[in-house]
PDB file of N, CA and C in Angstrom:
ATOM      1  N   UNK A   1     -21.565  -0.175 -80.733  1.00  0.00           N
ATOM      2  CA  UNK A   1     -22.369   0.678 -79.875  1.00  0.00           C
ATOM      3  C   UNK A   1     -21.741   2.075 -79.894  1.00  0.00           C
ATOM      4  N   UNK A   2     -22.607   3.038 -79.920  1.00  0.00           N
ATOM      5  CA  UNK A   2     -22.096   4.442 -79.906  1.00  0.00           C
ATOM      6  C   UNK A   2     -21.516   4.756 -78.571  1.00  0.00           C
ATOM      7  N   UNK A   3     -20.438   5.470 -78.578  1.00  0.00           N
ATOM      8  CA  UNK A   3     -19.808   5.877 -77.291  1.00  0.00           C
ATOM      9  C   UNK A   3     -20.679   6.778 -76.472  1.00  0.00           C
ATOM     10  N   UNK A   4     -21.411   7.664 -77.139  1.00  0.00           N
ATOM     11  CA  UNK A   4     -22.289   8.563 -76.424  1.00  0.00           C
ATOM     12  C   UNK A   4     -23.416   7.811 -75.726  1.00  0.00           C
ATOM     13  N   UNK A   5     -24.020   6.851 -76.375  1.00  0.00           N
ATOM     14  CA  UNK A   5     -25.101   6.089 -75.764  1.00  0.00           C
ATOM     15  C   UNK A   5     -24.572   5.137 -74.713  1.00  0.00           C
ATOM     16  N   UNK A   6     -23.343   4.672 -74.883  1.00  0.00           N
ATOM     17  CA  UNK A   6     -22.767   3.795 -73.865  1.00  0.00           C
ATOM     18  C   UNK A   6     -22.517   4.551 -72.580  1.00  0.00           C
ATOM     19  N   UNK A   7     -22.173   5.848 -72.676  1.00  0.00           N
ATOM     20  CA  UNK A   7     -21.877   6.612 -71.482  1.00  0.00           C
ATOM     21  C   UNK A   7     -23.129   7.254 -70.916  1.00  0.00           C
ATOM     22  N   UNK A   8     -24.262   7.214 -71.607  1.00  0.00           N
ATOM     23  CA  UNK A   8     -25.482   7.797 -71.139  1.00  0.00           C
ATOM     24  C   UNK A   8     -26.162   6.914 -70.101  1.00  0.00           C
ATOM     25  N   UNK A   9     -25.684   6.972 -68.883  1.00  0.00           N
ATOM     26  CA  UNK A   9     -26.150   6.073 -67.833  1.00  0.00           C
ATOM     27  C   UNK A   9     -27.578   6.361 -67.409  1.00  0.00           C
ATOM     28  N   UNK A  10     -27.975   7.614 -67.424  1.00  0.00           N
ATOM     29  CA  UNK A  10     -29.345   7.967 -66.993  1.00  0.00           C
ATOM     30  C   UNK A  10     -30.406   7.339 -67.904  1.00  0.00           C
ATOM     31  N   UNK A  11     -30.153   7.432 -69.230  1.00  0.00           N
ATOM     32  CA  UNK A  11     -31.056   6.839 -70.184  1.00  0.00           C
ATOM     33  C   UNK A  11     -31.114   5.319 -69.997  1.00  0.00           C
ATOM     34  N   UNK A  12     -29.985   4.716 -69.803  1.00  0.00           N
ATOM     35  CA  UNK A  12     -29.928   3.252 -69.660  1.00  0.00           C
ATOM     36  C   UNK A  12     -30.662   2.788 -68.412  1.00  0.00           C
ATOM     37  N   UNK A  13     -30.457   3.500 -67.266  1.00  0.00           N
ATOM     38  CA  UNK A  13     -31.143   3.073 -66.031  1.00  0.00           C
ATOM     39  C   UNK A  13     -32.628   3.332 -66.176  1.00  0.00           C
ATOM     40  N   UNK A  14     -33.025   4.455 -66.772  1.00  0.00           N
ATOM     41  CA  UNK A  14     -34.433   4.722 -66.950  1.00  0.00           C
ATOM     42  C   UNK A  14     -35.105   3.693 -67.850  1.00  0.00           C
ATOM     43  N   UNK A  15     -34.375   3.290 -68.881  1.00  0.00           N
ATOM     44  CA  UNK A  15     -34.927   2.246 -69.821  1.00  0.00           C
ATOM     45  C   UNK A  15     -35.101   0.916 -69.110  1.00  0.00           C
ATOM     46  N   UNK A  16     -34.135   0.553 -68.312  1.00  0.00           N
ATOM     47  CA  UNK A  16     -34.240  -0.720 -67.562  1.00  0.00           C
ATOM     48  C   UNK A  16     -35.368  -0.676 -66.565  1.00  0.00           C
ATOM     49  N   UNK A  17     -35.453   0.456 -65.825  1.00  0.00           N
ATOM     50  CA  UNK A  17     -36.510   0.560 -64.806  1.00  0.00           C
ATOM     51  C   UNK A  17     -37.921   0.603 -65.479  1.00  0.00           C
ATOM     52  N   UNK A  18     -38.046   1.294 -66.594  1.00  0.00           N
ATOM     53  CA  UNK A  18     -39.308   1.355 -67.266  1.00  0.00           C
ATOM     54  C   UNK A  18     -39.692   0.004 -67.870  1.00  0.00           C
ATOM     55  N   UNK A  19     -38.687  -0.748 -68.320  1.00  0.00           N
ATOM     56  CA  UNK A  19     -38.937  -2.096 -68.827  1.00  0.00           C
ATOM     57  C   UNK A  19     -39.473  -3.007 -67.721  1.00  0.00           C
ATOM     58  N   UNK A  20     -38.928  -2.866 -66.534  1.00  0.00           N
ATOM     59  CA  UNK A  20     -39.436  -3.684 -65.409  1.00  0.00           C
ATOM     60  C   UNK A  20     -40.827  -3.261 -65.048  1.00  0.00           C
ATOM     61  N   UNK A  21     -41.137  -1.990 -65.072  1.00  0.00           N
ATOM     62  CA  UNK A  21     -42.475  -1.523 -64.764  1.00  0.00           C
ATOM     63  C   UNK A  21     -43.463  -2.042 -65.838  1.00  0.00           C
ATOM     64  N   UNK A  22     -43.063  -2.005 -67.097  1.00  0.00           N
ATOM     65  CA  UNK A  22     -43.942  -2.533 -68.147  1.00  0.00           C
ATOM     66  C   UNK A  22     -44.163  -4.000 -67.975  1.00  0.00           C
ATOM     67  N   UNK A  23     -43.108  -4.756 -67.558  1.00  0.00           N
ATOM     68  CA  UNK A  23     -43.287  -6.207 -67.333  1.00  0.00           C
ATOM     69  C   UNK A  23     -44.339  -6.401 -66.267  1.00  0.00           C
ATOM     70  N   UNK A  24     -44.276  -5.693 -65.156  1.00  0.00           N
ATOM     71  CA  UNK A  24     -45.268  -5.869 -64.082  1.00  0.00           C
ATOM     72  C   UNK A  24     -46.665  -5.489 -64.596  1.00  0.00           C
ATOM     73  N   UNK A  25     -46.739  -4.364 -65.274  1.00  0.00           N
ATOM     74  CA  UNK A  25     -48.045  -3.874 -65.740  1.00  0.00           C
ATOM     75  C   UNK A  25     -48.623  -4.794 -66.806  1.00  0.00           C
ATOM     76  N   UNK A  26     -47.777  -5.361 -67.627  1.00  0.00           N
ATOM     77  CA  UNK A  26     -48.241  -6.321 -68.681  1.00  0.00           C
ATOM     78  C   UNK A  26     -48.767  -7.607 -68.080  1.00  0.00           C
ATOM     79  N   UNK A  27     -48.054  -8.084 -67.020  1.00  0.00           N
ATOM     80  CA  UNK A  27     -48.576  -9.285 -66.332  1.00  0.00           C
ATOM     81  C   UNK A  27     -49.920  -8.996 -65.680  1.00  0.00           C
ATOM     82  N   UNK A  28     -50.066  -7.828 -65.116  1.00  0.00           N
ATOM     83  CA  UNK A  28     -51.386  -7.457 -64.512  1.00  0.00           C
ATOM     84  C   UNK A  28     -52.441  -7.373 -65.566  1.00  0.00           C
ATOM     85  N   UNK A  29     -52.086  -6.877 -66.768  1.00  0.00           N
ATOM     86  CA  UNK A  29     -53.025  -6.811 -67.877  1.00  0.00           C
ATOM     87  C   UNK A  29     -53.441  -8.217 -68.311  1.00  0.00           C
ATOM     88  N   UNK A  30     -52.497  -9.131 -68.382  1.00  0.00           N
ATOM     89  CA  UNK A  30     -52.792 -10.514 -68.756  1.00  0.00           C
ATOM     90  C   UNK A  30     -53.748 -11.145 -67.743  1.00  0.00           C
ATOM     91  N   UNK A  31     -53.511 -10.857 -66.467  1.00  0.00           N
ATOM     92  CA  UNK A  31     -54.372 -11.411 -65.412  1.00  0.00           C
ATOM     93  C   UNK A  31     -55.779 -10.791 -65.429  1.00  0.00           C
ATOM     94  N   UNK A  32     -55.862  -9.554 -65.899  1.00  0.00           N
ATOM     95  CA  UNK A  32     -57.192  -8.923 -66.003  1.00  0.00           C
ATOM     96  C   UNK A  32     -57.321  -7.609 -65.254  1.00  0.00           C
ATOM     97  N   UNK A  33     -56.288  -7.214 -64.535  1.00  0.00           N
ATOM     98  CA  UNK A  33     -56.280  -5.929 -63.817  1.00  0.00           C
ATOM     99  C   UNK A  33     -55.528  -4.960 -64.680  1.00  0.00           C
ATOM    100  N   UNK A  34     -56.162  -3.859 -65.088  1.00  0.00           N
ATOM    101  CA  UNK A  34     -55.551  -2.920 -66.005  1.00  0.00           C
ATOM    102  C   UNK A  34     -55.754  -1.458 -65.537  1.00  0.00           C
ATOM    103  N   UNK A  35     -54.764  -0.627 -65.720  1.00  0.00           N
ATOM    104  CA  UNK A  35     -54.894   0.778 -65.355  1.00  0.00           C
ATOM    105  C   UNK A  35     -55.484   1.544 -66.524  1.00  0.00           C
ATOM    106  N   UNK A  36     -55.290   1.095 -67.710  1.00  0.00           N
ATOM    107  CA  UNK A  36     -55.782   1.828 -68.931  1.00  0.00           C
ATOM    108  C   UNK A  36     -57.124   1.225 -69.323  1.00  0.00           C
ATOM    109  N   UNK A  37     -58.033   2.083 -69.782  1.00  0.00           N
ATOM    110  CA  UNK A  37     -59.346   1.632 -70.164  1.00  0.00           C
ATOM    111  C   UNK A  37     -59.352   1.027 -71.597  1.00  0.00           C
ATOM    112  N   UNK A  38     -58.272   1.201 -72.341  1.00  0.00           N
ATOM    113  CA  UNK A  38     -58.181   0.684 -73.682  1.00  0.00           C
ATOM    114  C   UNK A  38     -57.171  -0.400 -73.732  1.00  0.00           C
ATOM    115  N   UNK A  39     -57.018  -0.984 -74.863  1.00  0.00           N
ATOM    116  CA  UNK A  39     -55.964  -2.006 -75.042  1.00  0.00           C
ATOM    117  C   UNK A  39     -56.548  -3.209 -75.763  1.00  0.00           C
ATOM    118  N   UNK A  40     -55.760  -4.224 -75.819  1.00  0.00           N
ATOM    119  CA  UNK A  40     -56.096  -5.405 -76.545  1.00  0.00           C
ATOM    120  C   UNK A  40     -56.286  -6.601 -75.645  1.00  0.00           C
ATOM    121  N   UNK A  41     -56.489  -6.380 -74.358  1.00  0.00           N
ATOM    122  CA  UNK A  41     -56.710  -7.446 -73.394  1.00  0.00           C
ATOM    123  C   UNK A  41     -55.427  -8.263 -73.167  1.00  0.00           C
ATOM    124  N   UNK A  42     -55.605  -9.576 -73.098  1.00  0.00           N
ATOM    125  CA  UNK A  42     -54.506 -10.455 -72.789  1.00  0.00           C
ATOM    126  C   UNK A  42     -53.474 -10.472 -73.934  1.00  0.00           C
ATOM    127  N   UNK A  43     -53.975 -10.324 -75.164  1.00  0.00           N
ATOM    128  CA  UNK A  43     -53.036 -10.305 -76.326  1.00  0.00           C
ATOM    129  C   UNK A  43     -52.168  -9.069 -76.246  1.00  0.00           C
ATOM    130  N   UNK A  44     -52.739  -7.930 -75.941  1.00  0.00           N
ATOM    131  CA  UNK A  44     -51.981  -6.710 -75.783  1.00  0.00           C
ATOM    132  C   UNK A  44     -50.993  -6.789 -74.658  1.00  0.00           C
ATOM    133  N   UNK A  45     -51.371  -7.501 -73.548  1.00  0.00           N
ATOM    134  CA  UNK A  45     -50.441  -7.716 -72.456  1.00  0.00           C
ATOM    135  C   UNK A  45     -49.267  -8.556 -72.855  1.00  0.00           C
ATOM    136  N   UNK A  46     -49.554  -9.578 -73.682  1.00  0.00           N
ATOM    137  CA  UNK A  46     -48.428 -10.480 -74.134  1.00  0.00           C
ATOM    138  C   UNK A  46     -47.514  -9.699 -75.094  1.00  0.00           C
ATOM    139  N   UNK A  47     -48.047  -8.867 -75.992  1.00  0.00           N
ATOM    140  CA  UNK A  47     -47.203  -8.104 -76.867  1.00  0.00           C
ATOM    141  C   UNK A  47     -46.404  -7.082 -76.056  1.00  0.00           C
ATOM    142  N   UNK A  48     -47.050  -6.465 -75.062  1.00  0.00           N
ATOM    143  CA  UNK A  48     -46.341  -5.469 -74.239  1.00  0.00           C
ATOM    144  C   UNK A  48     -45.218  -6.165 -73.402  1.00  0.00           C
ATOM    145  N   UNK A  49     -45.442  -7.428 -73.077  1.00  0.00           N
ATOM    146  CA  UNK A  49     -44.395  -8.181 -72.360  1.00  0.00           C
ATOM    147  C   UNK A  49     -43.174  -8.359 -73.249  1.00  0.00           C
ATOM    148  N   UNK A  50     -43.377  -8.667 -74.515  1.00  0.00           N
ATOM    149  CA  UNK A  50     -42.270  -8.846 -75.473  1.00  0.00           C
ATOM    150  C   UNK A  50     -41.562  -7.465 -75.682  1.00  0.00           C
ATOM    151  N   UNK A  51     -42.335  -6.431 -75.799  1.00  0.00           N
ATOM    152  CA  UNK A  51     -41.768  -5.097 -75.980  1.00  0.00           C
ATOM    153  C   UNK A  51     -40.971  -4.666 -74.766  1.00  0.00           C
ATOM    154  N   UNK A  52     -41.431  -5.048 -73.578  1.00  0.00           N
ATOM    155  CA  UNK A  52     -40.698  -4.728 -72.317  1.00  0.00           C
ATOM    156  C   UNK A  52     -39.352  -5.399 -72.311  1.00  0.00           C
ATOM    157  N   UNK A  53     -39.277  -6.638 -72.808  1.00  0.00           N
ATOM    158  CA  UNK A  53     -38.009  -7.345 -72.861  1.00  0.00           C
ATOM    159  C   UNK A  53     -37.056  -6.628 -73.828  1.00  0.00           C
ATOM    160  N   UNK A  54     -37.577  -6.136 -74.934  1.00  0.00           N
ATOM    161  CA  UNK A  54     -36.738  -5.356 -75.895  1.00  0.00           C
ATOM    162  C   UNK A  54     -36.228  -4.105 -75.252  1.00  0.00           C
ATOM    163  N   UNK A  55     -37.071  -3.395 -74.476  1.00  0.00           N
ATOM    164  CA  UNK A  55     -36.659  -2.158 -73.808  1.00  0.00           C
ATOM    165  C   UNK A  55     -35.527  -2.448 -72.779  1.00  0.00           C
ATOM    166  N   UNK A  56     -35.692  -3.515 -72.039  1.00  0.00           N
ATOM    167  CA  UNK A  56     -34.676  -3.911 -71.061  1.00  0.00           C
ATOM    168  C   UNK A  56     -33.344  -4.218 -71.766  1.00  0.00           C
ATOM    169  N   UNK A  57     -33.433  -4.936 -72.870  1.00  0.00           N
ATOM    170  CA  UNK A  57     -32.221  -5.279 -73.602  1.00  0.00           C
ATOM    171  C   UNK A  57     -31.559  -4.050 -74.204  1.00  0.00           C
ATOM    172  N   UNK A  58     -32.405  -3.060 -74.646  1.00  0.00           N
ATOM    173  CA  UNK A  58     -31.798  -1.799 -75.135  1.00  0.00           C
ATOM    174  C   UNK A  58     -31.127  -1.001 -74.028  1.00  0.00           C
ATOM    175  N   UNK A  59     -31.682  -1.154 -72.826  1.00  0.00           N
ATOM    176  CA  UNK A  59     -31.065  -0.485 -71.670  1.00  0.00           C
ATOM    177  C   UNK A  59     -29.754  -1.128 -71.242  1.00  0.00           C
ATOM    178  N   UNK A  60     -29.705  -2.429 -71.361  1.00  0.00           N
ATOM    179  CA  UNK A  60     -28.495  -3.159 -70.993  1.00  0.00           C
ATOM    180  C   UNK A  60     -27.376  -2.934 -72.032  1.00  0.00           C
ATOM    181  N   UNK A  61     -27.712  -3.058 -73.283  1.00  0.00           N
ATOM    182  CA  UNK A  61     -26.747  -2.899 -74.354  1.00  0.00           C
ATOM    183  C   UNK A  61     -27.331  -2.006 -75.445  1.00  0.00           C
ATOM    184  N   UNK A  62     -27.134  -0.718 -75.320  1.00  0.00           N
ATOM    185  CA  UNK A  62     -27.691   0.201 -76.328  1.00  0.00           C
ATOM    186  C   UNK A  62     -26.967   0.039 -77.655  1.00  0.00           C
ATOM    187  N   UNK A  63     -27.738   0.362 -78.705  1.00  0.00           N
ATOM    188  CA  UNK A  63     -27.213   0.287 -80.098  1.00  0.00           C
ATOM    189  C   UNK A  63     -27.305   1.709 -80.673  1.00  0.00           C
ATOM    190  N   UNK A  64     -26.910   1.875 -81.918  1.00  0.00           N
ATOM    191  CA  UNK A  64     -27.031   3.190 -82.531  1.00  0.00           C
ATOM    192  C   UNK A  64     -28.471   3.560 -82.630  1.00  0.00           C
ATOM    193  N   UNK A  65     -28.793   4.806 -82.415  1.00  0.00           N
ATOM    194  CA  UNK A  65     -30.140   5.350 -82.475  1.00  0.00           C
ATOM    195  C   UNK A  65     -31.094   4.706 -81.473  1.00  0.00           C
ATOM    196  N   UNK A  66     -30.574   4.386 -80.269  1.00  0.00           N
ATOM    197  CA  UNK A  66     -31.379   3.800 -79.213  1.00  0.00           C
ATOM    198  C   UNK A  66     -32.533   4.706 -78.773  1.00  0.00           C
ATOM    199  N   UNK A  67     -32.426   6.039 -78.673  1.00  0.00           N
ATOM    200  CA  UNK A  67     -33.569   6.856 -78.318  1.00  0.00           C
ATOM    201  C   UNK A  67     -34.708   6.758 -79.319  1.00  0.00           C
ATOM    202  N   UNK A  68     -34.393   6.612 -80.610  1.00  0.00           N
ATOM    203  CA  UNK A  68     -35.428   6.447 -81.590  1.00  0.00           C
ATOM    204  C   UNK A  68     -36.196   5.128 -81.372  1.00  0.00           C
ATOM    205  N   UNK A  69     -35.457   4.084 -81.164  1.00  0.00           N
ATOM    206  CA  UNK A  69     -36.125   2.769 -80.925  1.00  0.00           C
ATOM    207  C   UNK A  69     -36.939   2.813 -79.625  1.00  0.00           C
ATOM    208  N   UNK A  70     -36.391   3.463 -78.583  1.00  0.00           N
ATOM    209  CA  UNK A  70     -37.135   3.563 -77.343  1.00  0.00           C
ATOM    210  C   UNK A  70     -38.422   4.367 -77.530  1.00  0.00           C
ATOM    211  N   UNK A  71     -38.387   5.367 -78.387  1.00  0.00           N
ATOM    212  CA  UNK A  71     -39.610   6.142 -78.676  1.00  0.00           C
ATOM    213  C   UNK A  71     -40.692   5.311 -79.373  1.00  0.00           C
ATOM    214  N   UNK A  72     -40.248   4.543 -80.342  1.00  0.00           N
ATOM    215  CA  UNK A  72     -41.170   3.664 -81.066  1.00  0.00           C
ATOM    216  C   UNK A  72     -41.746   2.622 -80.121  1.00  0.00           C
ATOM    217  N   UNK A  73     -40.875   2.022 -79.287  1.00  0.00           N
ATOM    218  CA  UNK A  73     -41.395   1.024 -78.335  1.00  0.00           C
ATOM    219  C   UNK A  73     -42.295   1.633 -77.336  1.00  0.00           C
ATOM    220  N   UNK A  74     -41.993   2.855 -76.861  1.00  0.00           N
ATOM    221  CA  UNK A  74     -42.841   3.531 -75.834  1.00  0.00           C
ATOM    222  C   UNK A  74     -44.256   3.793 -76.399  1.00  0.00           C
ATOM    223  N   UNK A  75     -44.307   4.325 -77.611  1.00  0.00           N
ATOM    224  CA  UNK A  75     -45.633   4.548 -78.214  1.00  0.00           C
ATOM    225  C   UNK A  75     -46.376   3.245 -78.473  1.00  0.00           C
ATOM    226  N   UNK A  76     -45.671   2.204 -78.849  1.00  0.00           N
ATOM    227  CA  UNK A  76     -46.314   0.891 -79.068  1.00  0.00           C
ATOM    228  C   UNK A  76     -46.855   0.327 -77.779  1.00  0.00           C
ATOM    229  N   UNK A  77     -46.081   0.489 -76.666  1.00  0.00           N
ATOM    230  CA  UNK A  77     -46.535  -0.006 -75.366  1.00  0.00           C
ATOM    231  C   UNK A  77     -47.770   0.721 -74.927  1.00  0.00           C
ATOM    232  N   UNK A  78     -47.811   2.037 -75.119  1.00  0.00           N
ATOM    233  CA  UNK A  78     -49.018   2.825 -74.777  1.00  0.00           C
ATOM    234  C   UNK A  78     -50.166   2.395 -75.659  1.00  0.00           C
ATOM    235  N   UNK A  79     -49.943   2.098 -76.932  1.00  0.00           N
ATOM    236  CA  UNK A  79     -50.968   1.652 -77.843  1.00  0.00           C
ATOM    237  C   UNK A  79     -51.607   0.316 -77.359  1.00  0.00           C
ATOM    238  N   UNK A  80     -50.762  -0.551 -76.818  1.00  0.00           N
ATOM    239  CA  UNK A  80     -51.265  -1.803 -76.375  1.00  0.00           C
ATOM    240  C   UNK A  80     -51.890  -1.777 -74.957  1.00  0.00           C
ATOM    241  N   UNK A  81     -51.943  -0.612 -74.393  1.00  0.00           N
ATOM    242  CA  UNK A  81     -52.704  -0.406 -73.118  1.00  0.00           C
ATOM    243  C   UNK A  81     -51.895  -0.464 -71.876  1.00  0.00           C
ATOM    244  N   UNK A  82     -50.578  -0.341 -71.926  1.00  0.00           N
ATOM    245  CA  UNK A  82     -49.742  -0.314 -70.719  1.00  0.00           C
ATOM    246  C   UNK A  82     -49.254   1.126 -70.590  1.00  0.00           C
ATOM    247  N   UNK A  83     -50.005   1.881 -69.753  1.00  0.00           N
ATOM    248  CA  UNK A  83     -49.902   3.310 -69.779  1.00  0.00           C
ATOM    249  C   UNK A  83     -48.684   3.876 -69.061  1.00  0.00           C
ATOM    250  N   UNK A  84     -48.527   3.538 -67.750  1.00  0.00           N
ATOM    251  CA  UNK A  84     -47.475   4.128 -66.964  1.00  0.00           C
ATOM    252  C   UNK A  84     -46.101   3.714 -67.473  1.00  0.00           C
ATOM    253  N   UNK A  85     -45.889   2.483 -67.777  1.00  0.00           N
ATOM    254  CA  UNK A  85     -44.600   2.054 -68.272  1.00  0.00           C
ATOM    255  C   UNK A  85     -44.252   2.698 -69.622  1.00  0.00           C
ATOM    256  N   UNK A  86     -45.268   2.901 -70.464  1.00  0.00           N
ATOM    257  CA  UNK A  86     -45.049   3.541 -71.751  1.00  0.00           C
ATOM    258  C   UNK A  86     -44.620   4.977 -71.596  1.00  0.00           C
ATOM    259  N   UNK A  87     -45.242   5.674 -70.655  1.00  0.00           N
ATOM    260  CA  UNK A  87     -44.840   7.061 -70.396  1.00  0.00           C
ATOM    261  C   UNK A  87     -43.428   7.140 -69.893  1.00  0.00           C
ATOM    262  N   UNK A  88     -43.002   6.242 -69.016  1.00  0.00           N
ATOM    263  CA  UNK A  88     -41.641   6.271 -68.541  1.00  0.00           C
ATOM    264  C   UNK A  88     -40.653   5.955 -69.645  1.00  0.00           C
ATOM    265  N   UNK A  89     -41.035   5.068 -70.585  1.00  0.00           N
ATOM    266  CA  UNK A  89     -40.196   4.768 -71.741  1.00  0.00           C
ATOM    267  C   UNK A  89     -39.995   6.054 -72.560  1.00  0.00           C
ATOM    268  N   UNK A  90     -41.094   6.844 -72.758  1.00  0.00           N
ATOM    269  CA  UNK A  90     -41.007   8.134 -73.456  1.00  0.00           C
ATOM    270  C   UNK A  90     -40.064   9.055 -72.740  1.00  0.00           C
ATOM    271  N   UNK A  91     -40.078   9.061 -71.405  1.00  0.00           N
ATOM    272  CA  UNK A  91     -39.152   9.872 -70.627  1.00  0.00           C
ATOM    273  C   UNK A  91     -37.696   9.449 -70.905  1.00  0.00           C
ATOM    274  N   UNK A  92     -37.465   8.120 -70.919  1.00  0.00           N
ATOM    275  CA  UNK A  92     -36.111   7.617 -71.248  1.00  0.00           C
ATOM    276  C   UNK A  92     -35.703   8.046 -72.672  1.00  0.00           C
ATOM    277  N   UNK A  93     -36.659   8.087 -73.587  1.00  0.00           N
ATOM    278  CA  UNK A  93     -36.363   8.564 -74.955  1.00  0.00           C
ATOM    279  C   UNK A  93     -35.913  10.004 -74.901  1.00  0.00           C
ATOM    280  N   UNK A  94     -36.660  10.804 -74.203  1.00  0.00           N
ATOM    281  CA  UNK A  94     -36.295  12.250 -74.123  1.00  0.00           C
ATOM    282  C   UNK A  94     -34.962  12.460 -73.489  1.00  0.00           C
ATOM    283  N   UNK A  95     -34.623  11.696 -72.405  1.00  0.00           N
ATOM    284  CA  UNK A  95     -33.364  11.794 -71.757  1.00  0.00           C
ATOM    285  C   UNK A  95     -32.214  11.420 -72.706  1.00  0.00           C
ATOM    286  N   UNK A  96     -32.468  10.339 -73.525  1.00  0.00           N
ATOM    287  CA  UNK A  96     -31.442   9.922 -74.466  1.00  0.00           C
ATOM    288  C   UNK A  96     -31.276  10.918 -75.587  1.00  0.00           C
ATOM    289  N   UNK A  97     -32.361  11.562 -75.996  1.00  0.00           N
ATOM    290  CA  UNK A  97     -32.274  12.490 -77.084  1.00  0.00           C
ATOM    291  C   UNK A  97     -31.598  13.807 -76.713  1.00  0.00           C
ATOM    292  N   UNK A  98     -31.794  14.171 -75.443  1.00  0.00           N
ATOM    293  CA  UNK A  98     -31.220  15.450 -74.971  1.00  0.00           C
ATOM    294  C   UNK A  98     -29.696  15.359 -74.873  1.00  0.00           C
ATOM    295  N   UNK A  99     -29.206  14.186 -74.421  1.00  0.00           N
ATOM    296  CA  UNK A  99     -27.754  14.055 -74.248  1.00  0.00           C
ATOM    297  C   UNK A  99     -27.186  13.758 -75.605  1.00  0.00           C
TER     298      UNK A  99
END
């Protein structure tokens, strides 16, 4: 793990918090309540659930190029219809890229 990303506490906390928000929003999407008008329905919710777990794991134990992976996961989460959590993942990406 990179020493810079290990010490970037703000990015890690934001990634974990956004992963939890994506988990909640993905479960709501699976149930049928959705904030975004697009998406893939229950299948998109299930994929977003898996992506949220990856975001939480990247927040707990960052690897090299973590902001790049967070950016890719954030755009993917937004693509699958989980809007608010995806935007917060993008914020975590920007925080990690700035430091």
